[in-house]
Amino acid sequence: MIDTLKLWPITVTHPRTMETVSFLGQGKTVLEAVTDGAKNCSEAFRPDQSGAAHKPGEKGGPTRVAVKQPDGTVVFKSMREFEADPKPAQPEGETLEFA
């Protein structure tokens, strides 16, 4: 077996929303590649030294990834937004009747 780094394409599907993200990871093994790719998806985009909390996709803010939704549309989210569980549906207000 050749002991060289490989560039692995990786696709992850959220188990509840069925949204997917795809990224490249580099490593000798799949585990190394997944770790490398996920780390890169979560790093700050061009970090600066100000210490300010920036929005995703802005300089100094978390990297945003292209998220493919089940209907095929693509939106950009931070990894934290992608990983989050969907908000539960709000129950409709109950009508109480008094005699």
N, C-alpha and C. Protein backbone atom coordinates (compact mmCIF):
# COMPACT_ATOMS: atom_id res chain seq x y z
N MET A 1 0.84 -1.18 0.00
CA MET A 1 0.00 0.00 0.00
C MET A 1 0.88 1.25 0.00
N ILE A 2 0.55 2.19 -0.81
CA ILE A 2 1.30 3.43 -0.88
C ILE A 2 0.86 4.32 0.28
N ASP A 3 1.84 4.85 1.01
CA ASP A 3 1.57 5.64 2.20
C ASP A 3 1.60 7.13 1.86
N THR A 4 0.62 7.59 1.07
CA THR A 4 0.57 8.98 0.66
C THR A 4 -0.77 9.59 1.05
N LEU A 5 -0.78 10.90 1.12
CA LEU A 5 -2.02 11.60 1.39
C LEU A 5 -2.93 11.54 0.18
N LYS A 6 -4.20 11.43 0.43
CA LYS A 6 -5.19 11.44 -0.64
C LYS A 6 -6.22 12.52 -0.35
N LEU A 7 -6.84 13.05 -1.38
CA LEU A 7 -7.91 14.03 -1.23
C LEU A 7 -9.23 13.28 -1.38
N TRP A 8 -10.00 13.21 -0.30
CA TRP A 8 -11.24 12.43 -0.27
C TRP A 8 -12.45 13.34 -0.35
N PRO A 9 -13.38 13.11 -1.29
CA PRO A 9 -14.65 13.85 -1.27
C PRO A 9 -15.57 13.21 -0.23
N ILE A 10 -16.15 14.04 0.64
CA ILE A 10 -16.98 13.55 1.73
C ILE A 10 -18.33 14.24 1.68
N THR A 11 -19.41 13.49 1.83
CA THR A 11 -20.75 14.04 1.89
C THR A 11 -21.39 13.59 3.20
N VAL A 12 -21.97 14.54 3.92
CA VAL A 12 -22.62 14.26 5.20
C VAL A 12 -24.09 14.66 5.09
N THR A 13 -24.98 13.78 5.55
CA THR A 13 -26.42 14.04 5.53
C THR A 13 -26.92 14.21 6.95
N HIS A 14 -27.63 15.30 7.20
CA HIS A 14 -28.24 15.52 8.52
C HIS A 14 -29.36 14.49 8.68
N PRO A 15 -29.39 13.73 9.79
CA PRO A 15 -30.37 12.65 9.92
C PRO A 15 -31.82 13.10 10.03
N ARG A 16 -32.08 14.34 10.44
CA ARG A 16 -33.47 14.78 10.58
C ARG A 16 -33.94 15.65 9.42
N THR A 17 -33.09 16.60 9.00
CA THR A 17 -33.51 17.52 7.95
C THR A 17 -33.24 16.97 6.55
N MET A 18 -32.38 15.96 6.47
CA MET A 18 -31.95 15.35 5.21
C MET A 18 -31.20 16.33 4.32
N GLU A 19 -30.70 17.44 4.88
CA GLU A 19 -29.83 18.35 4.16
C GLU A 19 -28.45 17.70 4.07
N THR A 20 -27.68 18.05 3.03
CA THR A 20 -26.34 17.49 2.88
C THR A 20 -25.31 18.60 2.68
N VAL A 21 -24.10 18.32 3.17
CA VAL A 21 -22.94 19.16 2.87
C VAL A 21 -21.88 18.24 2.27
N SER A 22 -21.12 18.77 1.34
CA SER A 22 -20.02 18.03 0.73
C SER A 22 -18.76 18.86 0.86
N PHE A 23 -17.66 18.20 1.18
CA PHE A 23 -16.39 18.89 1.32
C PHE A 23 -15.26 17.92 1.02
N LEU A 24 -14.06 18.46 0.89
CA LEU A 24 -12.88 17.64 0.65
C LEU A 24 -12.07 17.54 1.93
N GLY A 25 -11.54 16.37 2.18
CA GLY A 25 -10.65 16.16 3.31
C GLY A 25 -9.39 15.48 2.82
N GLN A 26 -8.28 15.78 3.46
CA GLN A 26 -7.00 15.20 3.05
C GLN A 26 -6.49 14.29 4.15
N GLY A 27 -6.03 13.10 3.76
CA GLY A 27 -5.45 12.19 4.74
C GLY A 27 -5.06 10.88 4.10
N LYS A 28 -4.36 10.07 4.90
CA LYS A 28 -3.98 8.73 4.44
C LYS A 28 -5.14 7.76 4.60
N THR A 29 -6.04 8.08 5.55
CA THR A 29 -7.20 7.24 5.80
C THR A 29 -8.47 8.09 5.71
N VAL A 30 -9.59 7.42 5.64
CA VAL A 30 -10.87 8.14 5.60
C VAL A 30 -11.07 8.92 6.89
N LEU A 31 -10.71 8.32 8.03
CA LEU A 31 -10.87 9.01 9.32
C LEU A 31 -10.06 10.30 9.36
N GLU A 32 -8.82 10.25 8.89
CA GLU A 32 -8.00 11.46 8.83
C GLU A 32 -8.64 12.50 7.92
N ALA A 33 -9.17 12.07 6.79
CA ALA A 33 -9.77 12.99 5.83
C ALA A 33 -11.03 13.64 6.39
N VAL A 34 -11.88 12.86 7.05
CA VAL A 34 -13.11 13.41 7.64
C VAL A 34 -12.75 14.43 8.71
N THR A 35 -11.79 14.10 9.56
CA THR A 35 -11.36 15.01 10.62
C THR A 35 -10.80 16.30 10.03
N ASP A 36 -9.96 16.19 9.01
CA ASP A 36 -9.36 17.34 8.37
C ASP A 36 -10.42 18.21 7.70
N GLY A 37 -11.32 17.60 6.96
CA GLY A 37 -12.34 18.36 6.24
C GLY A 37 -13.32 19.05 7.17
N ALA A 38 -13.77 18.34 8.22
CA ALA A 38 -14.71 18.93 9.17
C ALA A 38 -14.06 20.09 9.92
N LYS A 39 -12.79 19.95 10.27
CA LYS A 39 -12.06 21.03 10.96
C LYS A 39 -12.01 22.26 10.07
N ASN A 40 -11.72 22.07 8.79
CA ASN A 40 -11.64 23.21 7.88
C ASN A 40 -13.00 23.88 7.69
N CYS A 41 -14.08 23.12 7.72
CA CYS A 41 -15.42 23.70 7.56
C CYS A 41 -15.80 24.55 8.76
N SER A 42 -15.21 24.30 9.91
CA SER A 42 -15.59 25.01 11.14
C SER A 42 -14.65 26.15 11.51
N GLU A 43 -13.57 26.33 10.76
CA GLU A 43 -12.61 27.38 11.11
C GLU A 43 -13.14 28.76 10.75
N ALA A 44 -12.53 29.76 11.35
CA ALA A 44 -12.89 31.14 11.04
C ALA A 44 -12.40 31.48 9.65
N PHE A 45 -13.19 32.28 8.93
CA PHE A 45 -12.84 32.72 7.59
C PHE A 45 -11.93 33.93 7.69
N ARG A 46 -10.69 33.79 7.25
CA ARG A 46 -9.69 34.87 7.32
C ARG A 46 -9.73 35.56 8.68
N PRO A 47 -9.36 34.86 9.74
CA PRO A 47 -9.46 35.46 11.07
C PRO A 47 -8.65 36.74 11.20
N ASP A 48 -9.19 37.67 11.96
CA ASP A 48 -8.44 38.90 12.22
C ASP A 48 -8.09 38.94 13.71
N GLN A 49 -7.40 39.95 14.12
CA GLN A 49 -6.91 40.03 15.49
C GLN A 49 -7.78 40.91 16.39
N SER A 50 -8.94 41.33 15.91
CA SER A 50 -9.75 42.27 16.69
C SER A 50 -10.45 41.60 17.88
N GLY A 51 -10.69 40.31 17.79
CA GLY A 51 -11.39 39.62 18.86
C GLY A 51 -12.90 39.77 18.80
N ALA A 52 -13.40 40.50 17.81
CA ALA A 52 -14.84 40.71 17.69
C ALA A 52 -15.52 39.44 17.16
N ALA A 53 -16.76 39.23 17.57
CA ALA A 53 -17.54 38.11 17.07
C ALA A 53 -18.21 38.55 15.77
N HIS A 54 -17.85 37.91 14.68
CA HIS A 54 -18.38 38.29 13.37
C HIS A 54 -19.44 37.29 12.93
N LYS A 55 -20.21 37.69 11.95
CA LYS A 55 -21.26 36.82 11.40
C LYS A 55 -20.63 35.76 10.51
N PRO A 56 -21.31 34.60 10.33
CA PRO A 56 -20.79 33.57 9.44
C PRO A 56 -20.54 34.11 8.04
N GLY A 57 -19.40 33.76 7.48
CA GLY A 57 -19.04 34.17 6.13
C GLY A 57 -18.29 35.48 6.07
N GLU A 58 -18.35 36.30 7.14
CA GLU A 58 -17.60 37.55 7.17
C GLU A 58 -16.16 37.27 7.56
N LYS A 59 -15.28 38.20 7.23
CA LYS A 59 -13.89 38.08 7.67
C LYS A 59 -13.88 37.98 9.20
N GLY A 60 -13.25 36.94 9.72
CA GLY A 60 -13.20 36.73 11.15
C GLY A 60 -14.36 35.91 11.69
N GLY A 61 -15.35 35.64 10.87
CA GLY A 61 -16.50 34.84 11.31
C GLY A 61 -16.35 33.39 10.86
N PRO A 62 -17.21 32.52 11.37
CA PRO A 62 -17.13 31.11 10.97
C PRO A 62 -17.33 30.94 9.46
N THR A 63 -16.71 29.92 8.92
CA THR A 63 -16.87 29.60 7.51
C THR A 63 -18.30 29.13 7.27
N ARG A 64 -18.87 29.51 6.15
CA ARG A 64 -20.19 29.00 5.77
C ARG A 64 -20.00 27.94 4.70
N VAL A 65 -20.87 26.94 4.72
CA VAL A 65 -20.80 25.87 3.74
C VAL A 65 -22.08 25.86 2.92
N ALA A 66 -21.97 25.37 1.69
CA ALA A 66 -23.15 25.23 0.84
C ALA A 66 -23.91 23.99 1.31
N VAL A 67 -25.16 24.19 1.68
CA VAL A 67 -26.00 23.11 2.18
C VAL A 67 -27.08 22.83 1.14
N LYS A 68 -27.11 21.59 0.66
CA LYS A 68 -28.12 21.20 -0.32
C LYS A 68 -29.33 20.67 0.43
N GLN A 69 -30.47 21.30 0.20
CA GLN A 69 -31.71 20.90 0.87
C GLN A 69 -32.37 19.76 0.09
N PRO A 70 -33.30 19.03 0.72
CA PRO A 70 -33.94 17.89 0.05
C PRO A 70 -34.61 18.25 -1.28
N ASP A 71 -35.09 19.49 -1.43
CA ASP A 71 -35.73 19.88 -2.69
C ASP A 71 -34.74 20.31 -3.75
N GLY A 72 -33.43 20.27 -3.42
CA GLY A 72 -32.40 20.59 -4.40
C GLY A 72 -31.86 22.01 -4.31
N THR A 73 -32.51 22.89 -3.56
CA THR A 73 -32.00 24.25 -3.43
C THR A 73 -30.76 24.25 -2.55
N VAL A 74 -29.93 25.26 -2.75
CA VAL A 74 -28.69 25.37 -1.98
C VAL A 74 -28.74 26.65 -1.16
N VAL A 75 -28.45 26.53 0.13
CA VAL A 75 -28.37 27.67 1.03
C VAL A 75 -27.00 27.63 1.71
N PHE A 76 -26.58 28.75 2.27
CA PHE A 76 -25.29 28.81 2.94
C PHE A 76 -25.52 28.94 4.44
N LYS A 77 -24.89 28.04 5.20
CA LYS A 77 -25.03 28.01 6.64
C LYS A 77 -23.67 27.76 7.27
N SER A 78 -23.56 28.14 8.54
CA SER A 78 -22.36 27.74 9.29
C SER A 78 -22.54 26.28 9.66
N MET A 79 -21.47 25.61 10.04
CA MET A 79 -21.58 24.21 10.44
C MET A 79 -22.48 24.07 11.66
N ARG A 80 -22.45 25.03 12.57
CA ARG A 80 -23.32 24.99 13.75
C ARG A 80 -24.79 25.02 13.33
N GLU A 81 -25.13 25.86 12.34
CA GLU A 81 -26.51 25.92 11.86
C GLU A 81 -26.90 24.61 11.17
N PHE A 82 -25.97 24.03 10.40
CA PHE A 82 -26.25 22.77 9.72
C PHE A 82 -26.47 21.64 10.72
N GLU A 83 -25.66 21.60 11.78
CA GLU A 83 -25.72 20.52 12.76
C GLU A 83 -26.93 20.61 13.69
N ALA A 84 -27.50 21.80 13.83
CA ALA A 84 -28.60 21.99 14.77
C ALA A 84 -29.84 21.19 14.35
N ASP A 85 -30.58 20.73 15.36
CA ASP A 85 -31.84 20.06 15.09
C ASP A 85 -32.86 21.10 14.66
N PRO A 86 -33.80 20.71 13.80
CA PRO A 86 -34.84 21.67 13.39
C PRO A 86 -35.69 22.06 14.58
N LYS A 87 -36.22 23.27 14.52
CA LYS A 87 -37.08 23.74 15.59
C LYS A 87 -38.37 22.93 15.58
N PRO A 88 -38.83 22.49 16.75
CA PRO A 88 -40.09 21.74 16.77
C PRO A 88 -41.26 22.64 16.39
N ALA A 89 -42.25 22.05 15.78
CA ALA A 89 -43.43 22.81 15.39
C ALA A 89 -44.12 23.34 16.63
N GLN A 90 -44.54 24.58 16.56
CA GLN A 90 -45.23 25.20 17.69
C GLN A 90 -46.68 24.68 17.72
N PRO A 91 -47.13 24.19 18.86
CA PRO A 91 -48.52 23.71 18.94
C PRO A 91 -49.48 24.87 18.79
N GLU A 92 -50.58 24.60 18.12
CA GLU A 92 -51.59 25.65 17.96
C GLU A 92 -52.26 25.89 19.30
N GLY A 93 -52.70 27.10 19.49
CA GLY A 93 -53.36 27.44 20.75
C GLY A 93 -54.62 26.61 20.97
N GLU A 94 -54.84 26.23 22.20
CA GLU A 94 -56.02 25.43 22.52
C GLU A 94 -57.17 26.38 22.85
N THR A 95 -58.36 25.98 22.49
CA THR A 95 -59.55 26.74 22.84
C THR A 95 -60.22 26.04 24.01
N LEU A 96 -60.33 26.76 25.09
CA LEU A 96 -60.98 26.18 26.26
C LEU A 96 -62.40 26.71 26.36
N GLU A 97 -63.33 25.81 26.60
CA GLU A 97 -64.73 26.21 26.75
C GLU A 97 -65.15 25.97 28.19
N PHE A 98 -65.79 26.95 28.75
CA PHE A 98 -66.26 26.82 30.13
C PHE A 98 -67.78 26.78 30.11
N ALA A 99 -68.37 25.94 30.96
CA ALA A 99 -69.83 25.81 31.01
C ALA A 99 -70.42 26.86 31.89
